[in-house]
C-alpha atoms as a PDB file:
ATOM      1  CA  MET A   1       0.004   0.058   0.179  1.00  0.00           C
ATOM      2  CA  TYR A   2       1.206   3.424  -0.974  1.00  0.00           C
ATOM      3  CA  VAL A   3       2.400   5.867   2.056  1.00  0.00           C
ATOM      4  CA  PRO A   4       3.497   9.023   1.539  1.00  0.00           C
ATOM      5  CA  PHE A   5       7.306   9.312   1.902  1.00  0.00           C
ATOM      6  CA  GLU A   6       7.378  11.555   4.949  1.00  0.00           C
ATOM      7  CA  ASP A   7       5.091   9.020   6.749  1.00  0.00           C
ATOM      8  CA  ILE A   8       7.012   5.860   6.097  1.00  0.00           C
ATOM      9  CA  SER A   9       9.004   4.604   8.602  1.00  0.00           C
ATOM     10  CA  GLU A  10      12.952   5.743   9.419  1.00  0.00           C
ATOM     11  CA  ASP A  11      13.733   1.965   9.419  1.00  0.00           C
ATOM     12  CA  SER A  12      12.215   1.398   5.994  1.00  0.00           C
ATOM     13  CA  ARG A  13      14.502  -0.315   3.753  1.00  0.00           C
ATOM     14  CA  VAL A  14      15.325   1.649   0.487  1.00  0.00           C
ATOM     15  CA  TRP A  15      16.731   1.343  -3.061  1.00  0.00           C
ATOM     16  CA  VAL A  16      18.552   4.363  -4.575  1.00  0.00           C
ATOM     17  CA  TYR A  17      18.363   4.427  -8.264  1.00  0.00           C
ATOM     18  CA  GLN A  18      20.654   7.248 -10.007  1.00  0.00           C
ATOM     19  CA  ALA A  19      19.090   8.390 -13.429  1.00  0.00           C
ATOM     20  CA  ALA A  20      21.450   9.129 -16.104  1.00  0.00           C
ATOM     21  CA  ARG A  21      19.981  12.809 -16.485  1.00  0.00           C
ATOM     22  CA  GLN A  22      17.507  14.922 -14.648  1.00  0.00           C
ATOM     23  CA  PHE A  23      13.942  14.470 -15.156  1.00  0.00           C
ATOM     24  CA  SER A  24      11.637  16.862 -16.772  1.00  0.00           C
ATOM     25  CA  THR A  25       8.533  17.901 -14.780  1.00  0.00           C
ATOM     26  CA  ARG A  26       6.444  15.876 -17.085  1.00  0.00           C
ATOM     27  CA  GLU A  27       8.588  12.914 -16.523  1.00  0.00           C
ATOM     28  CA  LYS A  28       8.462  13.352 -12.407  1.00  0.00           C
ATOM     29  CA  GLU A  29       4.520  13.568 -12.879  1.00  0.00           C
ATOM     30  CA  LEU A  30       4.707  10.324 -15.014  1.00  0.00           C
ATOM     31  CA  ILE A  31       6.888   8.589 -12.526  1.00  0.00           C
ATOM     32  CA  ALA A  32       4.836   9.619  -9.543  1.00  0.00           C
ATOM     33  CA  GLU A  33       1.547   8.143 -11.024  1.00  0.00           C
ATOM     34  CA  ARG A  34       3.293   5.004 -12.067  1.00  0.00           C
ATOM     35  CA  LEU A  35       5.108   4.343  -8.667  1.00  0.00           C
ATOM     36  CA  THR A  36       2.087   5.466  -6.740  1.00  0.00           C
ATOM     37  CA  THR A  37       0.022   2.779  -8.667  1.00  0.00           C
ATOM     38  CA  PHE A  38       2.777   0.305  -8.191  1.00  0.00           C
ATOM     39  CA  CYS A  39       3.327   0.931  -4.574  1.00  0.00           C
ATOM     40  CA  GLU A  40      -0.519   0.373  -3.974  1.00  0.00           C
ATOM     41  CA  GLY A  41      -0.208  -3.179  -5.306  1.00  0.00           C
ATOM     42  CA  TRP A  42       3.397  -4.091  -4.021  1.00  0.00           C
ATOM     43  CA  ASN A  43       3.117  -7.159  -2.105  1.00  0.00           C
ATOM     44  CA  THR A  44       5.114 -10.026  -0.711  1.00  0.00           C
ATOM     45  CA  HIS A  45       3.529 -13.495  -0.753  1.00  0.00           C
ATOM     46  CA  GLY A  46       0.151 -11.842  -1.161  1.00  0.00           C
ATOM     47  CA  ASN A  47       0.642  -9.633   1.671  1.00  0.00           C
ATOM     48  CA  ARG A  48       0.827  -5.793   0.804  1.00  0.00           C
ATOM     49  CA  MET A  49       3.334  -3.663   2.174  1.00  0.00           C
ATOM     50  CA  PRO A  50       3.623  -0.152   3.470  1.00  0.00           C
ATOM     51  CA  THR A  51       5.700   1.511   0.536  1.00  0.00           C
ATOM     52  CA  SER A  52       6.819   4.726  -0.894  1.00  0.00           C
ATOM     53  CA  PHE A  53       9.039   6.628  -3.210  1.00  0.00           C
ATOM     54  CA  GLN A  54      10.914   9.875  -3.535  1.00  0.00           C
ATOM     55  CA  ILE A  55      12.845  11.636  -5.930  1.00  0.00           C
ATOM     56  CA  LEU A  56      15.887  13.662  -4.889  1.00  0.00           C
ATOM     57  CA  ASP A  57      17.577  16.441  -6.757  1.00  0.00           C
ATOM     58  CA  ASP A  58      15.659  15.682  -9.761  1.00  0.00           C
ATOM     59  CA  GLN A  59      17.657  12.880 -10.511  1.00  0.00           C
ATOM     60  CA  ILE A  60      17.825  10.287  -7.876  1.00  0.00           C
ATOM     61  CA  LEU A  61      14.718   7.911  -7.477  1.00  0.00           C
ATOM     62  CA  VAL A  62      14.409   6.403  -3.890  1.00  0.00           C
ATOM     63  CA  LEU A  63      11.943   3.341  -3.466  1.00  0.00           C
ATOM     64  CA  ALA A  64      11.353   2.272   0.064  1.00  0.00           C
ATOM     65  CA  VAL A  65       9.349  -0.432   1.884  1.00  0.00           C
ATOM     66  CA  ASP A  66       8.457  -1.035   5.455  1.00  0.00           C
ATOM     67  CA  GLU A  67       9.806  -4.280   6.311  1.00  0.00           C
ATOM     68  CA  SER A  68       8.486  -4.274   9.894  1.00  0.00           C
ATOM     69  CA  GLY A  69       5.752  -6.417   9.389  1.00  0.00           C
ATOM     70  CA  LEU A  70       6.940  -8.722   6.453  1.00  0.00           C
ATOM     71  CA  GLY A  71      10.106  -8.334   4.650  1.00  0.00           C
ATOM     72  CA  ALA A  72      10.540  -7.734   0.743  1.00  0.00           C
ATOM     73  CA  SER A  73      10.764 -11.094  -0.768  1.00  0.00           C
ATOM     74  CA  GLY A  74      12.972 -11.687  -4.011  1.00  0.00           C
ATOM     75  CA  CYS A  75       9.880 -11.945  -6.128  1.00  0.00           C
ATOM     76  CA  SER A  76       8.593  -8.505  -4.788  1.00  0.00           C
ATOM     77  CA  ILE A  77      11.910  -6.988  -5.176  1.00  0.00           C
ATOM     78  CA  ASP A  78      12.134  -8.254  -8.975  1.00  0.00           C
ATOM     79  CA  SER A  79       8.671  -6.731  -9.614  1.00  0.00           C
ATOM     80  CA  SER A  80      10.001  -3.259  -8.547  1.00  0.00           C
ATOM     81  CA  VAL A  81      12.992  -3.819 -10.812  1.00  0.00           C
ATOM     82  CA  ARG A  82      10.696  -4.619 -13.841  1.00  0.00           C
ATOM     83  CA  THR A  83       8.467  -1.538 -13.331  1.00  0.00           C
ATOM     84  CA  LEU A  84      11.491   0.441 -12.983  1.00  0.00           C
ATOM     85  CA  ARG A  85      12.850  -0.695 -16.111  1.00  0.00           C
ATOM     86  CA  GLN A  86       9.665  -0.288 -17.861  1.00  0.00           C
ATOM     87  CA  LEU A  87      10.000   3.509 -16.811  1.00  0.00           C
ATOM     88  CA  GLU A  88      13.450   3.522 -17.886  1.00  0.00           C
ATOM     89  CA  ASP A  89      12.471   2.547 -21.342  1.00  0.00           C
ATOM     90  CA  GLU A  90       9.766   4.684 -21.689  1.00  0.00           C
ATOM     91  CA  LEU A  91      11.706   7.773 -20.458  1.00  0.00           C
ATOM     92  CA  LYS A  92      14.942   6.828 -22.251  1.00  0.00           C
ATOM     93  CA  ASN A  93      16.786   7.481 -19.025  1.00  0.00           C
ATOM     94  CA  ASN A  94      19.130   4.716 -17.384  1.00  0.00           C
ATOM     95  CA  LEU A  95      17.907   3.930 -13.842  1.00  0.00           C
ATOM     96  CA  THR A  96      18.821   0.319 -13.105  1.00  0.00           C
ATOM     97  CA  ASP A  97      22.612   0.271 -14.184  1.00  0.00           C
ATOM     98  CA  GLN A  98      24.287  -0.036 -11.264  1.00  0.00           C
ATOM     99  CA  GLY A  99      27.780   0.400 -12.722  1.00  0.00           C
ATOM    100  CA  LYS A 100      27.971   4.388 -12.591  1.00  0.00           C
ATOM    101  CA  VAL A 101      28.734   6.978 -10.267  1.00  0.00           C
ATOM    102  CA  THR A 102      26.759  10.007  -9.640  1.00  0.00           C
ATOM    103  CA  PHE A 103      28.683  13.142  -8.488  1.00  0.00           C
ATOM    104  CA  LYS A 104      28.141  16.978  -8.191  1.00  0.00           C
ATOM    105  CA  SER A 105      30.594  19.150 -10.062  1.00  0.00           C
ATOM    106  CA  LYS A 106      32.113  22.007  -8.219  1.00  0.00           C
ATOM    107  CA  SER A 107      29.163  24.218  -9.774  1.00  0.00           C
ATOM    108  CA  GLY A 108      26.698  21.733  -8.103  1.00  0.00           C
ATOM    109  CA  GLU A 109      25.639  20.112 -11.460  1.00  0.00           C
ATOM    110  CA  ILE A 110      24.832  16.510 -11.090  1.00  0.00           C
ATOM    111  CA  ASN A 111      26.852  14.484 -13.455  1.00  0.00           C
ATOM    112  CA  VAL A 112      26.872  10.416 -14.087  1.00  0.00           C
ATOM    113  CA  ALA A 113      30.062   8.491 -15.167  1.00  0.00           C
ATOM    114  CA  SER A 114      30.818   5.019 -15.606  1.00  0.00           C
ATOM    115  CA  ALA A 115      32.282   3.401 -12.709  1.00  0.00           C
ATOM    116  CA  LEU A 116      34.854   1.781 -15.076  1.00  0.00           C
ATOM    117  CA  GLY A 117      36.242   5.046 -16.252  1.00  0.00           C
ATOM    118  CA  ILE A 118      35.834   6.828 -12.893  1.00  0.00           C
ATOM    119  CA  LYS A 119      39.733   7.056 -12.486  1.00  0.00           C
ATOM    120  CA  SER A 120      39.946   9.424 -15.440  1.00  0.00           C
ATOM    121  CA  LYS A 121      37.449  11.814 -13.683  1.00  0.00           C
ATOM    122  CA  VAL A 122      39.685  11.881 -10.872  1.00  0.00           C
ATOM    123  CA  THR A 123      42.991  12.111 -12.769  1.00  0.00           C
ATOM    124  CA  SER A 124      41.385  15.057 -14.691  1.00  0.00           C
ATOM    125  CA  GLY A 125      40.291  16.891 -11.453  1.00  0.00           C
ATOM    126  CA  ASP A 126      36.542  16.558 -12.195  1.00  0.00           C
ATOM    127  CA  ILE A 127      36.562  14.568  -9.079  1.00  0.00           C
ATOM    128  CA  ASP A 128      38.586  15.216  -6.070  1.00  0.00           C
ATOM    129  CA  ALA A 129      38.350  14.352  -2.314  1.00  0.00           C
ATOM    130  CA  GLN A 130      35.904  17.023  -1.495  1.00  0.00           C
ATOM    131  CA  THR A 131      33.614  16.245  -4.361  1.00  0.00           C
ATOM    132  CA  LEU A 132      30.159  15.036  -3.340  1.00  0.00           C
ATOM    133  CA  VAL A 133      29.154  11.450  -4.631  1.00  0.00           C
ATOM    134  CA  ILE A 134      26.241   9.140  -4.010  1.00  0.00           C
ATOM    135  CA  ASN A 135      26.547   6.873  -1.239  1.00  0.00           C
ATOM    136  CA  PRO A 136      25.852   3.379  -2.500  1.00  0.00           C
ATOM    137  CA  GLN A 137      25.648   2.035   0.984  1.00  0.00           C
ATOM    138  CA  ILE A 138      22.391   3.523   1.990  1.00  0.00           C
ATOM    139  CA  LEU A 139      20.194   0.833   3.161  1.00  0.00           C
ATOM    140  CA  ASN A 140      17.319   2.558   5.370  1.00  0.00           C
ATOM    141  CA  LYS A 141      15.328   5.763   5.000  1.00  0.00           C
ATOM    142  CA  LYS A 142      17.092   7.201   8.203  1.00  0.00           C
ATOM    143  CA  ASP A 143      20.416   6.933   6.265  1.00  0.00           C
ATOM    144  CA  LEU A 144      19.002   9.193   3.255  1.00  0.00           C
ATOM    145  CA  GLU A 145      20.693  12.119   5.319  1.00  0.00           C
ATOM    146  CA  ARG A 146      23.819  10.634   3.964  1.00  0.00           C
ATOM    147  CA  VAL A 147      22.932   9.958   0.688  1.00  0.00           C
ATOM    148  CA  TRP A 148      25.724  12.356  -0.768  1.00  0.00           C
ATOM    149  CA  ILE A 149      29.066  11.869   0.912  1.00  0.00           C
ATOM    150  CA  LEU A 150      32.750  13.199  -0.055  1.00  0.00           C
ATOM    151  CA  ALA A 151      34.283  11.401  -2.455  1.00  0.00           C
ATOM    152  CA  GLY A 152      37.192  10.865  -0.014  1.00  0.00           C
ATOM    153  CA  ASN A 153      35.110   8.976   2.453  1.00  0.00           C
ATOM    154  CA  SER A 154      33.714   6.619  -0.152  1.00  0.00           C
ATOM    155  CA  TRP A 155      35.235   3.743  -2.096  1.00  0.00           C
ATOM    156  CA  LEU A 156      36.734   6.400  -4.656  1.00  0.00           C
ATOM    157  CA  ASN A 157      39.527   7.278  -1.730  1.00  0.00           C
ATOM    158  CA  ARG A 158      41.720   4.748  -3.156  1.00  0.00           C
ATOM    159  CA  TYR A 159      42.400   7.180  -6.057  1.00  0.00           C
ATOM    160  CA  PHE A 160      43.261  10.039  -4.061  1.00  0.00           C
ATOM    161  CA  PRO A 161      46.948  10.563  -2.572  1.00  0.00           C
ATOM    162  CA  ASN A 162      46.902   9.941   1.057  1.00  0.00           C
END
């Protein structure tokens, strides 16, 4: 069952999806419509779960489920990914590829780069230890306050001189 994001438990499990580009106003409306409908029927083993979503910075999609009553099963998680892939195809905006790094430029613009080529972004100076990057270790809604972390405090730290 859909629950407004501000009302869902702070302990709710979250999945953070990084879009390849910002969503337009129309796209955000479409996402809200589709995900509200999806959340209304999202269930595990036939039991509906309190679920929600939020769009951060016009480019980061957060899906949340309160597992306090019943945890999300593999099948229910698969159904959420199917829904996101359908949106991804319709919007022509990569959401589900986990092989990317989202970071904010010095001017605050959100950029997305392939994780395989991220070292070149460090070498070129596009990313330094003070650059904000998406924290891939967010697991719960309460952790969203740390969705952006310094690159020097992330797995990218290996690329910076000590």
